């Protein structure tokens, strides 16, 4: 089959899943809390696959249901989205600042995001890494789900990139290397992240990255089928509704590096439907200012053929780590955060500084903490 025939077949698959409806929903969503997307209808065998018990089932260092709203003072909104809000809070016990992510159960259920929401809680409890945000615990009331996580003061890498327009090569390489270590770690736990983008990378007070928002993360030992992610970063095999594996994260990793170096994503179009068609077509115009070593890396990451994509070959993630573009990186020092960061956020640490986050209107009618009324959805979120 020719490449053109492959593309046409993929587009027919997209039409089968009502891509236009998905695109319309994507356009309506705020970027801070990951937007919902449609999920493929699963066969019985696929449902069985998704319900396999985790090999990490006994690994949980977080608390479940031991916190309540009475343990925290809500200070301000850090971000809003389709399902709820992220608040800056302060513990009344130790005085520390935390980010509290809230999700409205009814909306999560209506948008068919129950599995993704439970997966997010489950994946965050497994991940303990210097470059991944830490969740301390979760709880729920009759209307909402709550996750308590570290407050990362430095804001989003997305905001820094927009201010800079594009990063110098050493800066992009630093952030890419830290992101690589986070993704490599997740893959060793059989977790696919599935939503890598600058909006989901926070900077701590020293300028090191923290990968956040695990709403699409999933533990997968072989392949999965769910169509999810953010349009510019979705791998072609996901768009084409084919079974896929961890290699989708290496595609997104290539898109991330491209965006950091150029200031834009290679397949962008104002219309998500066209973005998906561009991804399936796979044609990229690389700027003349990109040097040969980075061109080689990008062309081996942003490649449709899975038998050629770095990270999916026999050498696994080592093929990415050992690429010549990363030759200066001392990985052990980077992992121990023993390398000076290229940018230190201009914040005052330890006082709940929110200067790196946009202001949002506060909701004066929050339905938090309600108990003793009917909760038709509580049984769907037993992990909380």
Protein backbone atom coordinates (compact mmCIF):
# COMPACT_ATOMS: atom_id res chain seq x y z
CA UNK A 1 0.00 0.00 0.00
CA UNK A 2 1.36 3.46 -0.88
CA UNK A 3 1.82 6.22 1.68
CA UNK A 4 -1.09 8.14 0.09
CA UNK A 5 -3.33 5.09 0.47
CA UNK A 6 -2.24 4.76 4.09
CA UNK A 7 -3.19 8.38 4.71
CA UNK A 8 -6.59 7.96 3.06
CA UNK A 9 -7.27 4.84 5.11
CA UNK A 10 -6.37 6.70 8.29
CA UNK A 11 -8.67 9.60 7.42
CA UNK A 12 -11.54 7.18 6.83
CA UNK A 13 -10.87 5.76 10.30
CA UNK A 14 -11.06 9.27 11.72
CA UNK A 15 -14.42 9.87 10.10
CA UNK A 16 -15.70 6.67 11.68
CA UNK A 17 -15.04 8.09 15.15
CA UNK A 18 -16.67 11.47 14.43
CA UNK A 19 -13.50 13.53 14.49
CA UNK A 20 -15.37 16.78 13.87
CA UNK A 21 -17.29 16.35 17.12
CA UNK A 22 -14.01 15.73 18.95
CA UNK A 23 -12.46 18.79 17.34
CA UNK A 24 -15.38 20.99 18.39
CA UNK A 25 -15.03 19.84 21.97
CA UNK A 26 -11.28 20.48 21.89
CA UNK A 27 -11.88 24.08 20.78
CA UNK A 28 -14.18 24.73 23.72
CA UNK A 29 -11.76 23.67 26.45
CA UNK A 30 -9.30 25.58 28.64
CA UNK A 31 -5.71 24.35 28.50
CA UNK A 32 -4.88 24.33 32.23
CA UNK A 33 -6.95 21.29 33.11
CA UNK A 34 -6.48 18.81 30.25
CA UNK A 35 -9.49 18.96 27.90
CA UNK A 36 -11.70 15.91 27.48
CA UNK A 37 -11.73 14.01 24.20
CA UNK A 38 -13.84 11.24 22.85
CA UNK A 39 -12.98 7.68 23.74
CA UNK A 40 -13.21 4.81 21.28
CA UNK A 41 -15.86 2.18 21.79
CA UNK A 42 -13.97 -0.75 23.29
CA UNK A 43 -14.40 -4.40 22.50
CA UNK A 44 -14.82 -6.88 25.31
CA UNK A 45 -11.17 -7.95 24.98
CA UNK A 46 -10.02 -4.31 25.20
CA UNK A 47 -12.11 -3.74 28.32
CA UNK A 48 -10.58 -6.83 29.83
CA UNK A 49 -7.13 -5.49 29.02
CA UNK A 50 -7.85 -2.15 30.71
CA UNK A 51 -8.97 -3.90 33.89
CA UNK A 52 -5.86 -5.99 34.39
CA UNK A 53 -4.52 -5.67 37.91
CA UNK A 54 -1.51 -3.42 38.33
CA UNK A 55 1.83 -4.94 39.22
CA UNK A 56 2.21 -1.90 41.50
CA UNK A 57 -1.11 -2.43 43.28
CA UNK A 58 0.45 -2.37 46.76
CA UNK A 59 2.59 0.68 46.10
CA UNK A 60 0.77 3.72 47.49
CA UNK A 61 2.51 6.31 49.64
CA UNK A 62 -0.41 8.76 49.50
CA UNK A 63 -3.36 9.04 51.84
CA UNK A 64 -6.88 8.28 50.70
CA UNK A 65 -9.81 9.99 52.37
CA UNK A 66 -7.78 11.12 55.41
CA UNK A 67 -7.76 14.78 54.42
CA UNK A 68 -10.81 17.03 54.40
CA UNK A 69 -11.42 20.62 53.37
CA UNK A 70 -11.09 21.56 57.02
CA UNK A 71 -7.36 20.78 56.77
CA UNK A 72 -6.75 23.52 54.18
CA UNK A 73 -7.30 27.21 53.67
CA UNK A 74 -8.21 27.97 50.06
CA UNK A 75 -6.35 31.10 48.97
CA UNK A 76 -6.87 31.64 45.23
CA UNK A 77 -7.46 29.93 41.88
CA UNK A 78 -4.37 28.92 39.90
CA UNK A 79 -6.22 27.57 36.90
CA UNK A 80 -9.64 26.57 35.61
CA UNK A 81 -10.89 23.94 33.24
CA UNK A 82 -13.83 21.89 32.09
CA UNK A 83 -14.04 19.74 35.21
CA UNK A 84 -13.17 22.16 37.99
CA UNK A 85 -10.31 24.27 39.34
CA UNK A 86 -6.81 24.16 40.72
CA UNK A 87 -6.48 26.17 43.93
CA UNK A 88 -3.56 27.40 45.95
CA UNK A 89 -4.16 26.20 49.50
CA UNK A 90 -2.33 26.30 52.81
CA UNK A 91 -2.31 23.50 55.36
CA UNK A 92 -3.66 24.61 58.73
CA UNK A 93 -1.39 21.99 60.33
CA UNK A 94 2.10 22.63 58.92
CA UNK A 95 1.61 26.00 57.18
CA UNK A 96 2.90 24.65 53.85
CA UNK A 97 1.36 25.62 50.53
CA UNK A 98 -0.21 22.99 48.29
CA UNK A 99 -2.05 22.86 44.98
CA UNK A 100 -5.53 21.38 45.31
CA UNK A 101 -7.00 20.04 42.09
CA UNK A 102 -10.78 19.77 42.18
CA UNK A 103 -12.98 17.87 39.74
CA UNK A 104 -16.77 17.92 39.66
CA UNK A 105 -18.04 14.34 39.68
CA UNK A 106 -21.12 14.99 37.58
CA UNK A 107 -19.10 16.61 34.78
CA UNK A 108 -16.45 13.87 34.88
CA UNK A 109 -19.19 11.25 34.51
CA UNK A 110 -21.10 13.13 31.78
CA UNK A 111 -17.91 13.64 29.77
CA UNK A 112 -17.08 9.93 30.10
CA UNK A 113 -13.81 10.63 31.92
CA UNK A 114 -14.26 8.32 34.93
CA UNK A 115 -11.55 5.91 33.80
CA UNK A 116 -9.10 8.74 33.04
CA UNK A 117 -9.78 10.38 36.41
CA UNK A 118 -9.23 7.17 38.35
CA UNK A 119 -6.11 6.50 36.28
CA UNK A 120 -4.76 9.95 37.15
CA UNK A 121 -5.05 9.27 40.86
CA UNK A 122 -3.59 5.80 40.44
CA UNK A 123 -0.63 6.97 38.35
CA UNK A 124 0.22 9.87 40.66
CA UNK A 125 0.36 7.55 43.65
CA UNK A 126 2.96 5.42 41.84
CA UNK A 127 5.24 8.19 40.61
CA UNK A 128 8.03 9.36 42.90
CA UNK A 129 10.68 11.16 40.91
CA UNK A 130 12.58 14.47 41.14
CA UNK A 131 10.97 15.73 37.94
CA UNK A 132 7.37 14.61 38.57
CA UNK A 133 4.89 16.41 40.78
CA UNK A 134 4.04 14.64 44.03
CA UNK A 135 0.51 13.94 45.18
CA UNK A 136 0.13 13.71 48.94
CA UNK A 137 -3.42 12.51 49.15
CA UNK A 138 -6.97 12.66 47.87
CA UNK A 139 -10.52 12.82 49.18
CA UNK A 140 -14.06 13.46 47.99
CA UNK A 141 -17.33 14.98 49.08
CA UNK A 142 -20.79 14.47 47.64
CA UNK A 143 -20.10 16.60 44.57
CA UNK A 144 -16.34 16.86 44.05
CA UNK A 145 -13.02 15.01 43.92
CA UNK A 146 -9.90 16.57 45.48
CA UNK A 147 -6.19 15.86 44.96
CA UNK A 148 -3.56 17.53 47.13
CA UNK A 149 -0.22 18.07 45.40
CA UNK A 150 2.95 20.08 45.88
CA UNK A 151 2.61 23.72 44.91
CA UNK A 152 5.18 24.45 42.20
CA UNK A 153 5.71 28.21 42.28
CA UNK A 154 7.59 28.85 39.04
CA UNK A 155 4.64 28.53 36.67
CA UNK A 156 4.36 26.70 33.35
CA UNK A 157 7.17 26.15 30.88
CA UNK A 158 4.56 27.22 28.34
CA UNK A 159 4.50 30.76 29.78
CA UNK A 160 8.29 31.04 29.72
CA UNK A 161 8.41 29.77 26.13
CA UNK A 162 5.82 32.32 24.99
CA UNK A 163 7.78 35.14 26.62
CA UNK A 164 11.01 33.89 25.04
CA UNK A 165 9.37 33.04 21.69
CA UNK A 166 11.89 30.22 21.32
CA UNK A 167 14.67 28.82 23.47
CA UNK A 168 18.39 28.83 22.65
CA UNK A 169 19.64 25.32 21.98
CA UNK A 170 21.32 24.81 25.42
CA UNK A 171 18.13 25.89 27.21
CA UNK A 172 15.91 23.58 25.14
CA UNK A 173 18.39 20.76 25.69
CA UNK A 174 18.33 21.23 29.47
CA UNK A 175 14.54 21.04 29.69
CA UNK A 176 14.38 18.19 27.17
CA UNK A 177 16.90 16.16 29.18
CA UNK A 178 14.94 16.56 32.42
CA UNK A 179 11.70 15.66 30.63
CA UNK A 180 13.46 12.63 29.15
CA UNK A 181 14.35 11.35 32.63
CA UNK A 182 10.74 11.73 33.78
CA UNK A 183 9.34 9.89 30.75
CA UNK A 184 11.96 7.16 30.98
CA UNK A 185 11.04 6.63 34.63
CA UNK A 186 7.32 6.41 33.86
CA UNK A 187 7.94 3.91 31.07
CA UNK A 188 9.90 1.70 33.46
CA UNK A 189 6.72 1.61 35.56
CA UNK A 190 4.76 0.69 32.39
CA UNK A 191 3.04 4.09 32.48
CA UNK A 192 2.32 5.94 29.24
CA UNK A 193 1.97 9.67 29.92
CA UNK A 194 0.06 10.61 26.73
CA UNK A 195 -0.16 14.39 27.20
CA UNK A 196 3.34 15.82 26.98
CA UNK A 197 3.28 19.57 26.20
CA UNK A 198 4.73 22.79 27.69
CA UNK A 199 1.50 23.51 29.59
CA UNK A 200 2.01 20.30 31.60
CA UNK A 201 5.59 21.10 32.59
CA UNK A 202 5.97 23.30 35.66
CA UNK A 203 9.13 24.98 36.94
CA UNK A 204 10.05 24.79 40.60
CA UNK A 205 11.64 27.58 42.60
CA UNK A 206 15.11 26.66 41.28
CA UNK A 207 14.02 26.25 37.65
CA UNK A 208 13.91 22.45 37.46
CA UNK A 209 10.92 20.85 35.75
CA UNK A 210 7.98 19.03 37.31
CA UNK A 211 5.76 16.99 35.03
CA UNK A 212 2.14 17.50 36.07
CA UNK A 213 -1.44 16.69 35.01
CA UNK A 214 -1.69 12.91 34.77
CA UNK A 215 -5.28 12.92 33.50
CA UNK A 216 -4.35 10.83 30.46
CA UNK A 217 -1.60 8.71 32.03
CA UNK A 218 -2.24 4.97 32.06
CA UNK A 219 -0.47 1.82 33.10
CA UNK A 220 -0.09 -0.31 29.97
CA UNK A 221 2.00 -3.46 29.68
CA UNK A 222 1.51 -3.96 25.94
CA UNK A 223 -0.86 -1.76 23.90
CA UNK A 224 -3.89 0.44 24.46
CA UNK A 225 -6.55 1.97 22.21
CA UNK A 226 -7.95 5.16 23.74
CA UNK A 227 -7.95 8.29 21.61
CA UNK A 228 -6.75 11.06 23.93
CA UNK A 229 -4.22 13.85 24.18
CA UNK A 230 -3.78 17.39 22.86
CA UNK A 231 -4.12 17.76 19.06
CA UNK A 232 -0.68 19.20 18.19
CA UNK A 233 1.11 16.45 20.12
CA UNK A 234 -0.90 13.32 19.30
CA UNK A 235 1.01 10.58 17.47
CA UNK A 236 -0.36 9.43 14.10
CA UNK A 237 -1.11 5.91 15.30
CA UNK A 238 -3.37 7.40 18.00
CA UNK A 239 -5.12 9.68 15.50
CA UNK A 240 -5.65 6.68 13.21
CA UNK A 241 -7.26 4.74 16.10
CA UNK A 242 -4.70 1.95 15.93
CA UNK A 243 -3.35 0.05 18.95
CA UNK A 244 -0.34 1.93 20.35
CA UNK A 245 2.33 1.68 23.02
CA UNK A 246 4.83 3.86 24.90
CA UNK A 247 6.31 5.11 21.64
CA UNK A 248 3.57 7.77 21.47
CA UNK A 249 5.42 9.61 24.25
CA UNK A 250 8.62 9.70 22.17
CA UNK A 251 6.69 11.22 19.26
CA UNK A 252 5.36 13.90 21.65
CA UNK A 253 8.88 14.35 23.04
CA UNK A 254 10.04 15.21 19.52
CA UNK A 255 7.19 17.70 19.08
CA UNK A 256 8.10 19.30 22.43
CA UNK A 257 11.75 19.76 21.40
CA UNK A 258 10.65 21.17 18.03
CA UNK A 259 8.35 23.69 19.76
CA UNK A 260 11.01 24.76 22.28
CA UNK A 261 13.49 25.42 19.48
CA UNK A 262 11.11 27.09 17.02
CA UNK A 263 8.26 28.55 19.06
CA UNK A 264 5.56 26.60 17.22
CA UNK A 265 4.45 23.02 16.66
CA UNK A 266 5.05 21.41 13.24
CA UNK A 267 1.49 20.30 12.47
CA UNK A 268 -0.45 23.23 13.93
CA UNK A 269 -3.62 24.49 12.29
CA UNK A 270 -6.36 26.64 13.88
CA UNK A 271 -8.80 23.85 13.05
CA UNK A 272 -8.08 20.64 15.00
CA UNK A 273 -9.45 18.52 12.13
CA UNK A 274 -6.78 19.97 9.85
CA UNK A 275 -4.14 19.43 12.53
CA UNK A 276 -5.00 15.72 12.57
CA UNK A 277 -4.80 15.55 8.79
CA UNK A 278 -1.38 17.23 8.92
CA UNK A 279 -0.21 14.65 11.46
CA UNK A 280 -1.37 11.79 9.26
CA UNK A 281 0.29 13.37 6.25
CA UNK A 282 3.48 13.69 8.30
CA UNK A 283 5.21 16.37 6.22
CA UNK A 284 7.38 18.76 8.27
CA UNK A 285 9.23 21.84 7.10
CA UNK A 286 12.25 22.31 9.37
CA UNK A 287 13.68 25.84 9.80
CA UNK A 288 17.10 26.46 8.27
CA UNK A 289 18.59 27.48 11.62
CA UNK A 290 18.26 24.02 13.18
CA UNK A 291 21.70 22.33 13.23
CA UNK A 292 22.26 18.84 11.78
CA UNK A 293 22.39 16.99 15.11
CA UNK A 294 18.99 18.25 16.26
CA UNK A 295 17.52 17.67 12.81
CA UNK A 296 18.67 14.07 13.00
CA UNK A 297 17.09 13.59 16.44
CA UNK A 298 13.78 15.19 15.46
CA UNK A 299 13.54 13.18 12.25
CA UNK A 300 14.05 9.98 14.25
CA UNK A 301 11.43 10.91 16.87
CA UNK A 302 8.74 12.53 14.72
CA UNK A 303 8.48 9.61 12.33
CA UNK A 304 5.31 7.65 11.52
CA UNK A 305 7.10 4.35 10.95
CA UNK A 306 7.32 2.73 14.40
CA UNK A 307 10.20 0.52 13.23
CA UNK A 308 12.29 3.69 12.86
CA UNK A 309 11.15 5.80 15.84
CA UNK A 310 13.77 6.26 18.56
CA UNK A 311 12.60 4.92 21.91
CA UNK A 312 10.68 2.12 20.19
CA UNK A 313 13.71 0.26 18.87
CA UNK A 314 15.77 -2.52 20.44
CA UNK A 315 17.78 -0.06 22.53
CA UNK A 316 14.65 1.48 24.04
CA UNK A 317 15.07 4.83 25.77
CA UNK A 318 18.86 4.45 25.65
CA UNK A 319 18.70 5.21 21.94
CA UNK A 320 17.30 8.63 22.79
CA UNK A 321 19.67 9.23 25.70
CA UNK A 322 22.72 8.29 23.63
CA UNK A 323 21.85 10.46 20.65
CA UNK A 324 24.69 12.91 19.77
CA UNK A 325 22.50 15.93 20.60
CA UNK A 326 22.60 14.91 24.26
CA UNK A 327 26.34 14.10 24.32
CA UNK A 328 27.18 16.91 26.78
CA UNK A 329 24.54 15.83 29.31
CA UNK A 330 25.86 14.26 32.50
CA UNK A 331 22.74 12.27 33.31
CA UNK A 332 23.67 11.32 36.89
CA UNK A 333 24.26 14.96 37.86
CA UNK A 334 21.09 16.03 36.11
CA UNK A 335 19.02 13.45 37.99
CA UNK A 336 20.46 14.65 41.31
CA UNK A 337 19.61 18.24 40.30
CA UNK A 338 23.29 19.08 40.53
CA UNK A 339 23.36 21.16 37.33
CA UNK A 340 22.67 24.89 37.25
CA UNK A 341 19.35 25.70 35.65
CA UNK A 342 19.20 28.15 32.72
CA UNK A 343 16.39 30.15 34.34
CA UNK A 344 15.39 30.74 37.94
CA UNK A 345 11.82 31.99 38.34
CA UNK A 346 11.63 35.48 39.95
CA UNK A 347 9.66 34.38 42.99
CA UNK A 348 9.85 34.53 46.75
CA UNK A 349 9.96 30.94 47.93
CA UNK A 350 7.85 29.59 50.77
CA UNK A 351 5.28 32.38 50.96
CA UNK A 352 2.77 31.18 48.39
CA UNK A 353 4.04 33.50 45.67
CA UNK A 354 1.62 33.32 42.71
CA UNK A 355 3.23 35.95 40.48
CA UNK A 356 3.96 33.37 37.75
CA UNK A 357 0.30 32.36 37.40
CA UNK A 358 -2.52 34.21 35.66
CA UNK A 359 -5.41 35.65 37.66
CA UNK A 360 -8.81 33.97 37.35
CA UNK A 361 -12.22 35.14 38.60
CA UNK A 362 -13.00 33.43 41.87
CA UNK A 363 -16.18 31.36 42.14
CA UNK A 364 -18.06 32.57 45.21
CA UNK A 365 -20.53 29.67 45.03
CA UNK A 366 -18.20 26.68 45.35
CA UNK A 367 -20.11 23.56 46.37
CA UNK A 368 -17.18 22.11 48.32
CA UNK A 369 -17.54 20.12 51.51
CA UNK A 370 -21.17 19.15 51.14
CA UNK A 371 -22.05 15.90 52.86
CA UNK A 372 -25.18 14.05 53.85
CA UNK A 373 -26.91 14.43 50.50
CA UNK A 374 -27.37 11.91 47.72
CA UNK A 375 -24.14 11.04 45.92
CA UNK A 376 -24.95 8.90 42.85
CA UNK A 377 -21.32 8.86 41.69
CA UNK A 378 -19.34 8.11 44.85
CA UNK A 379 -19.00 4.40 44.07
CA UNK A 380 -17.28 5.25 40.77
CA UNK A 381 -14.35 6.83 42.59
CA UNK A 382 -13.53 4.40 45.39
CA UNK A 383 -9.78 5.16 45.18
CA UNK A 384 -10.43 8.72 46.36
